[in-house]
PDB file of all heavy atoms in Angstrom:
ATOM      1  N   SER A   1      -2.976  10.135 -18.714  1.00  0.00           N
ATOM      2  CA  SER A   1      -2.933   8.930 -19.521  1.00  0.00           C
ATOM      3  C   SER A   1      -1.784   8.037 -19.055  1.00  0.00           C
ATOM      4  O   SER A   1      -0.681   8.569 -18.744  1.00  0.00           O
ATOM      5  CB  SER A   1      -2.680   9.305 -20.996  1.00  0.00           C
ATOM      6  OG  SER A   1      -2.624   8.114 -21.807  1.00  0.00           O
ATOM      7  N   PHE A   2      -2.012   6.761 -18.973  1.00  0.00           N
ATOM      8  CA  PHE A   2      -1.062   5.792 -18.511  1.00  0.00           C
ATOM      9  C   PHE A   2      -0.855   4.688 -19.564  1.00  0.00           C
ATOM     10  O   PHE A   2      -1.829   4.297 -20.180  1.00  0.00           O
ATOM     11  CB  PHE A   2      -1.470   5.115 -17.188  1.00  0.00           C
ATOM     12  CG  PHE A   2      -1.739   6.096 -16.078  1.00  0.00           C
ATOM     13  CD1 PHE A   2      -2.996   6.706 -15.910  1.00  0.00           C
ATOM     14  CD2 PHE A   2      -0.719   6.456 -15.249  1.00  0.00           C
ATOM     15  CE1 PHE A   2      -3.220   7.588 -14.842  1.00  0.00           C
ATOM     16  CE2 PHE A   2      -0.955   7.334 -14.181  1.00  0.00           C
ATOM     17  CZ  PHE A   2      -2.215   7.892 -13.975  1.00  0.00           C
ATOM     18  N   ALA A   3       0.327   4.278 -19.745  1.00  0.00           N
ATOM     19  CA  ALA A   3       0.624   3.186 -20.699  1.00  0.00           C
ATOM     20  C   ALA A   3       0.078   1.879 -20.138  1.00  0.00           C
ATOM     21  O   ALA A   3       0.165   1.641 -18.917  1.00  0.00           O
ATOM     22  CB  ALA A   3       2.060   3.084 -21.024  1.00  0.00           C
ATOM     23  N   MET A   4      -0.450   1.002 -21.010  1.00  0.00           N
ATOM     24  CA  MET A   4      -0.909  -0.312 -20.577  1.00  0.00           C
ATOM     25  C   MET A   4       0.195  -1.044 -19.873  1.00  0.00           C
ATOM     26  O   MET A   4       1.340  -1.094 -20.369  1.00  0.00           O
ATOM     27  CB  MET A   4      -1.394  -1.061 -21.810  1.00  0.00           C
ATOM     28  CG  MET A   4      -1.975  -2.413 -21.511  1.00  0.00           C
ATOM     29  SD  MET A   4      -3.557  -2.265 -20.691  1.00  0.00           S
ATOM     30  CE  MET A   4      -3.951  -4.006 -20.427  1.00  0.00           C
ATOM     31  N   GLY A   5      -0.033  -1.576 -18.718  1.00  0.00           N
ATOM     32  CA  GLY A   5       0.940  -2.330 -17.955  1.00  0.00           C
ATOM     33  C   GLY A   5       1.695  -1.496 -16.930  1.00  0.00           C
ATOM     34  O   GLY A   5       2.488  -2.041 -16.184  1.00  0.00           O
ATOM     35  N   SER A   6       1.446  -0.193 -16.916  1.00  0.00           N
ATOM     36  CA  SER A   6       2.152   0.691 -15.900  1.00  0.00           C
ATOM     37  C   SER A   6       1.345   0.563 -14.560  1.00  0.00           C
ATOM     38  O   SER A   6       0.302   0.000 -14.472  1.00  0.00           O
ATOM     39  CB  SER A   6       2.276   2.122 -16.382  1.00  0.00           C
ATOM     40  OG  SER A   6       0.999   2.629 -16.663  1.00  0.00           O
ATOM     41  N   GLN A   7       1.912   1.280 -13.563  1.00  0.00           N
ATOM     42  CA  GLN A   7       1.337   1.230 -12.233  1.00  0.00           C
ATOM     43  C   GLN A   7       1.147   2.633 -11.699  1.00  0.00           C
ATOM     44  O   GLN A   7       1.980   3.561 -11.955  1.00  0.00           O
ATOM     45  CB  GLN A   7       2.193   0.419 -11.288  1.00  0.00           C
ATOM     46  CG  GLN A   7       2.339  -1.042 -11.639  1.00  0.00           C
ATOM     47  CD  GLN A   7       3.422  -1.748 -10.782  1.00  0.00           C
ATOM     48  OE1 GLN A   7       4.566  -1.359 -10.819  1.00  0.00           O
ATOM     49  NE2 GLN A   7       2.985  -2.738 -10.035  1.00  0.00           N
ATOM     50  N   ALA A   8       0.050   2.842 -10.925  1.00  0.00           N
ATOM     51  CA  ALA A   8      -0.167   4.082 -10.255  1.00  0.00           C
ATOM     52  C   ALA A   8      -0.983   3.739  -8.982  1.00  0.00           C
ATOM     53  O   ALA A   8      -1.871   2.846  -9.048  1.00  0.00           O
ATOM     54  CB  ALA A   8      -0.975   5.062 -11.138  1.00  0.00           C
ATOM     55  N   TYR A   9      -0.694   4.495  -7.902  1.00  0.00           N
ATOM     56  CA  TYR A   9      -1.239   4.043  -6.622  1.00  0.00           C
ATOM     57  C   TYR A   9      -2.120   5.072  -5.918  1.00  0.00           C
ATOM     58  O   TYR A   9      -1.843   6.276  -6.036  1.00  0.00           O
ATOM     59  CB  TYR A   9      -0.068   3.739  -5.710  1.00  0.00           C
ATOM     60  CG  TYR A   9       0.902   2.689  -6.219  1.00  0.00           C
ATOM     61  CD1 TYR A   9       2.244   3.039  -6.481  1.00  0.00           C
ATOM     62  CD2 TYR A   9       0.544   1.399  -6.479  1.00  0.00           C
ATOM     63  CE1 TYR A   9       3.150   2.124  -6.943  1.00  0.00           C
ATOM     64  CE2 TYR A   9       1.412   0.458  -6.964  1.00  0.00           C
ATOM     65  CZ  TYR A   9       2.739   0.836  -7.205  1.00  0.00           C
ATOM     66  OH  TYR A   9       3.635  -0.071  -7.662  1.00  0.00           O
ATOM     67  N   ILE A  10      -3.099   4.575  -5.182  1.00  0.00           N
ATOM     68  CA  ILE A  10      -3.720   5.375  -4.133  1.00  0.00           C
ATOM     69  C   ILE A  10      -2.726   5.150  -2.946  1.00  0.00           C
ATOM     70  O   ILE A  10      -2.603   4.054  -2.416  1.00  0.00           O
ATOM     71  CB  ILE A  10      -5.089   4.870  -3.772  1.00  0.00           C
ATOM     72  CG1 ILE A  10      -6.087   4.970  -4.945  1.00  0.00           C
ATOM     73  CG2 ILE A  10      -5.627   5.644  -2.543  1.00  0.00           C
ATOM     74  CD1 ILE A  10      -7.381   4.367  -4.671  1.00  0.00           C
ATOM     75  N   ALA A  11      -2.015   6.209  -2.537  1.00  0.00           N
ATOM     76  CA  ALA A  11      -0.909   6.067  -1.615  1.00  0.00           C
ATOM     77  C   ALA A  11      -1.132   6.699  -0.279  1.00  0.00           C
ATOM     78  O   ALA A  11      -0.295   6.713   0.616  1.00  0.00           O
ATOM     79  CB  ALA A  11       0.364   6.620  -2.272  1.00  0.00           C
ATOM     80  N   GLY A  12      -2.321   7.359  -0.135  1.00  0.00           N
ATOM     81  CA  GLY A  12      -2.588   7.959   1.164  1.00  0.00           C
ATOM     82  C   GLY A  12      -4.039   8.389   1.236  1.00  0.00           C
ATOM     83  O   GLY A  12      -4.744   8.616   0.226  1.00  0.00           O
ATOM     84  N   ALA A  13      -4.553   8.469   2.455  1.00  0.00           N
ATOM     85  CA  ALA A  13      -5.914   8.883   2.709  1.00  0.00           C
ATOM     86  C   ALA A  13      -6.004   9.558   4.034  1.00  0.00           C
ATOM     87  O   ALA A  13      -5.239   9.191   4.958  1.00  0.00           O
ATOM     88  CB  ALA A  13      -6.928   7.766   2.603  1.00  0.00           C
ATOM     89  N   GLU A  14      -6.903  10.463   4.192  1.00  0.00           N
ATOM     90  CA  GLU A  14      -7.031  11.233   5.485  1.00  0.00           C
ATOM     91  C   GLU A  14      -8.462  11.696   5.653  1.00  0.00           C
ATOM     92  O   GLU A  14      -9.084  12.114   4.680  1.00  0.00           O
ATOM     93  CB  GLU A  14      -6.098  12.397   5.525  1.00  0.00           C
ATOM     94  CG  GLU A  14      -6.252  13.305   6.793  1.00  0.00           C
ATOM     95  CD  GLU A  14      -5.332  14.501   6.696  1.00  0.00           C
ATOM     96  OE1 GLU A  14      -4.148  14.376   6.353  1.00  0.00           O
ATOM     97  OE2 GLU A  14      -5.808  15.619   6.972  1.00  0.00           O
ATOM     98  N   ILE A  15      -8.981  11.523   6.875  1.00  0.00           N
ATOM     99  CA  ILE A  15     -10.289  12.162   7.230  1.00  0.00           C
ATOM    100  C   ILE A  15     -10.087  12.888   8.520  1.00  0.00           C
ATOM    101  O   ILE A  15      -9.237  12.531   9.377  1.00  0.00           O
ATOM    102  CB  ILE A  15     -11.443  11.143   7.292  1.00  0.00           C
ATOM    103  CG1 ILE A  15     -11.289  10.175   8.461  1.00  0.00           C
ATOM    104  CG2 ILE A  15     -11.637  10.450   6.020  1.00  0.00           C
ATOM    105  CD1 ILE A  15     -12.555   9.398   8.724  1.00  0.00           C
ATOM    106  N   GLU A  16     -10.907  13.949   8.725  1.00  0.00           N
ATOM    107  CA  GLU A  16     -11.012  14.633   9.956  1.00  0.00           C
ATOM    108  C   GLU A  16     -12.393  14.318  10.560  1.00  0.00           C
ATOM    109  O   GLU A  16     -13.414  14.476   9.839  1.00  0.00           O
ATOM    110  CB  GLU A  16     -10.807  16.123   9.780  1.00  0.00           C
ATOM    111  CG  GLU A  16      -9.349  16.536   9.535  1.00  0.00           C
ATOM    112  CD  GLU A  16      -9.028  16.470   8.070  1.00  0.00           C
ATOM    113  OE1 GLU A  16      -9.777  17.057   7.236  1.00  0.00           O
ATOM    114  OE2 GLU A  16      -8.052  15.832   7.727  1.00  0.00           O
ATOM    115  N   THR A  17     -12.441  13.974  11.825  1.00  0.00           N
ATOM    116  CA  THR A  17     -13.704  13.716  12.487  1.00  0.00           C
ATOM    117  C   THR A  17     -13.901  14.550  13.685  1.00  0.00           C
ATOM    118  O   THR A  17     -12.906  15.178  14.199  1.00  0.00           O
ATOM    119  CB  THR A  17     -13.790  12.187  12.850  1.00  0.00           C
ATOM    120  OG1 THR A  17     -12.726  11.916  13.833  1.00  0.00           O
ATOM    121  CG2 THR A  17     -13.661  11.320  11.647  1.00  0.00           C
ATOM    122  N   TYR A  18     -15.124  14.581  14.161  1.00  0.00           N
ATOM    123  CA  TYR A  18     -15.426  15.301  15.485  1.00  0.00           C
ATOM    124  C   TYR A  18     -16.262  14.360  16.345  1.00  0.00           C
ATOM    125  O   TYR A  18     -16.970  13.477  15.812  1.00  0.00           O
ATOM    126  CB  TYR A  18     -16.162  16.579  15.226  1.00  0.00           C
ATOM    127  CG  TYR A  18     -17.519  16.479  14.645  1.00  0.00           C
ATOM    128  CD1 TYR A  18     -18.695  16.260  15.408  1.00  0.00           C
ATOM    129  CD2 TYR A  18     -17.684  16.452  13.219  1.00  0.00           C
ATOM    130  CE1 TYR A  18     -19.917  16.134  14.850  1.00  0.00           C
ATOM    131  CE2 TYR A  18     -18.967  16.353  12.697  1.00  0.00           C
ATOM    132  CZ  TYR A  18     -20.060  16.154  13.489  1.00  0.00           C
ATOM    133  OH  TYR A  18     -21.313  16.019  12.954  1.00  0.00           O
ATOM    134  N   LYS A  19     -16.237  14.574  17.654  1.00  0.00           N
ATOM    135  CA  LYS A  19     -17.030  13.803  18.557  1.00  0.00           C
ATOM    136  C   LYS A  19     -17.388  14.700  19.785  1.00  0.00           C
ATOM    137  O   LYS A  19     -16.509  15.493  20.193  1.00  0.00           O
ATOM    138  CB  LYS A  19     -16.324  12.550  19.047  1.00  0.00           C
ATOM    139  CG  LYS A  19     -14.949  12.781  19.730  1.00  0.00           C
ATOM    140  CD  LYS A  19     -14.344  11.435  20.157  1.00  0.00           C
ATOM    141  CE  LYS A  19     -13.019  11.688  20.885  1.00  0.00           C
ATOM    142  NZ  LYS A  19     -12.435  10.491  21.400  1.00  0.00           N
ATOM    143  N   ASN A  20     -18.606  14.600  20.253  1.00  0.00           N
ATOM    144  CA  ASN A  20     -19.056  15.441  21.380  1.00  0.00           C
ATOM    145  C   ASN A  20     -19.996  14.671  22.280  1.00  0.00           C
ATOM    146  O   ASN A  20     -20.580  13.665  21.862  1.00  0.00           O
ATOM    147  CB  ASN A  20     -19.819  16.636  20.792  1.00  0.00           C
ATOM    148  CG  ASN A  20     -18.953  17.550  19.954  1.00  0.00           C
ATOM    149  OD1 ASN A  20     -18.000  18.155  20.477  1.00  0.00           O
ATOM    150  ND2 ASN A  20     -19.286  17.650  18.715  1.00  0.00           N
ATOM    151  N   SER A  21     -20.164  15.149  23.484  1.00  0.00           N
ATOM    152  CA  SER A  21     -21.213  14.682  24.434  1.00  0.00           C
ATOM    153  C   SER A  21     -21.172  13.139  24.657  1.00  0.00           C
ATOM    154  O   SER A  21     -22.224  12.466  24.514  1.00  0.00           O
ATOM    155  CB  SER A  21     -22.557  15.122  23.967  1.00  0.00           C
ATOM    156  OG  SER A  21     -22.578  16.509  23.909  1.00  0.00           O
ATOM    157  N   GLY A  22     -19.940  12.582  24.775  1.00  0.00           N
ATOM    158  CA  GLY A  22     -19.899  11.175  25.101  1.00  0.00           C
ATOM    159  C   GLY A  22     -19.831  10.256  23.826  1.00  0.00           C
ATOM    160  O   GLY A  22     -19.627   9.058  23.985  1.00  0.00           O
ATOM    161  N   SER A  23     -20.010  10.797  22.667  1.00  0.00           N
ATOM    162  CA  SER A  23     -19.887  10.066  21.455  1.00  0.00           C
ATOM    163  C   SER A  23     -18.438   9.749  21.187  1.00  0.00           C
ATOM    164  O   SER A  23     -17.535  10.448  21.644  1.00  0.00           O
ATOM    165  CB  SER A  23     -20.443  10.804  20.246  1.00  0.00           C
ATOM    166  OG  SER A  23     -21.865  10.987  20.415  1.00  0.00           O
ATOM    167  N   ASP A  24     -18.138   8.674  20.375  1.00  0.00           N
ATOM    168  CA  ASP A  24     -16.789   8.312  20.118  1.00  0.00           C
ATOM    169  C   ASP A  24     -16.690   7.808  18.667  1.00  0.00           C
ATOM    170  O   ASP A  24     -17.584   7.084  18.224  1.00  0.00           O
ATOM    171  CB  ASP A  24     -16.309   7.210  21.090  1.00  0.00           C
ATOM    172  CG  ASP A  24     -14.797   6.957  20.988  1.00  0.00           C
ATOM    173  OD1 ASP A  24     -14.069   7.843  20.541  1.00  0.00           O
ATOM    174  OD2 ASP A  24     -14.375   5.889  21.332  1.00  0.00           O
ATOM    175  N   VAL A  25     -15.657   8.161  17.948  1.00  0.00           N
ATOM    176  CA  VAL A  25     -15.338   7.652  16.643  1.00  0.00           C
ATOM    177  C   VAL A  25     -14.408   6.494  16.805  1.00  0.00           C
ATOM    178  O   VAL A  25     -13.420   6.582  17.458  1.00  0.00           O
ATOM    179  CB  VAL A  25     -14.675   8.725  15.755  1.00  0.00           C
ATOM    180  CG1 VAL A  25     -14.339   8.172  14.356  1.00  0.00           C
ATOM    181  CG2 VAL A  25     -15.625   9.968  15.591  1.00  0.00           C
ATOM    182  N   THR A  26     -14.795   5.349  16.249  1.00  0.00           N
ATOM    183  CA  THR A  26     -14.104   4.059  16.506  1.00  0.00           C
ATOM    184  C   THR A  26     -13.220   3.583  15.310  1.00  0.00           C
ATOM    185  O   THR A  26     -12.437   2.619  15.520  1.00  0.00           O
ATOM    186  CB  THR A  26     -15.119   2.999  16.816  1.00  0.00           C
ATOM    187  OG1 THR A  26     -16.027   2.864  15.771  1.00  0.00           O
ATOM    188  CG2 THR A  26     -15.826   3.398  18.114  1.00  0.00           C
TER     189      THR A  26
END
């Protein structure tokens, strides 16, 4: 629960990817 007017953040994100046979993640 957060008080009206307060702040909370999405402060980070991470993904893991794979690539094979000439494919590329861009």
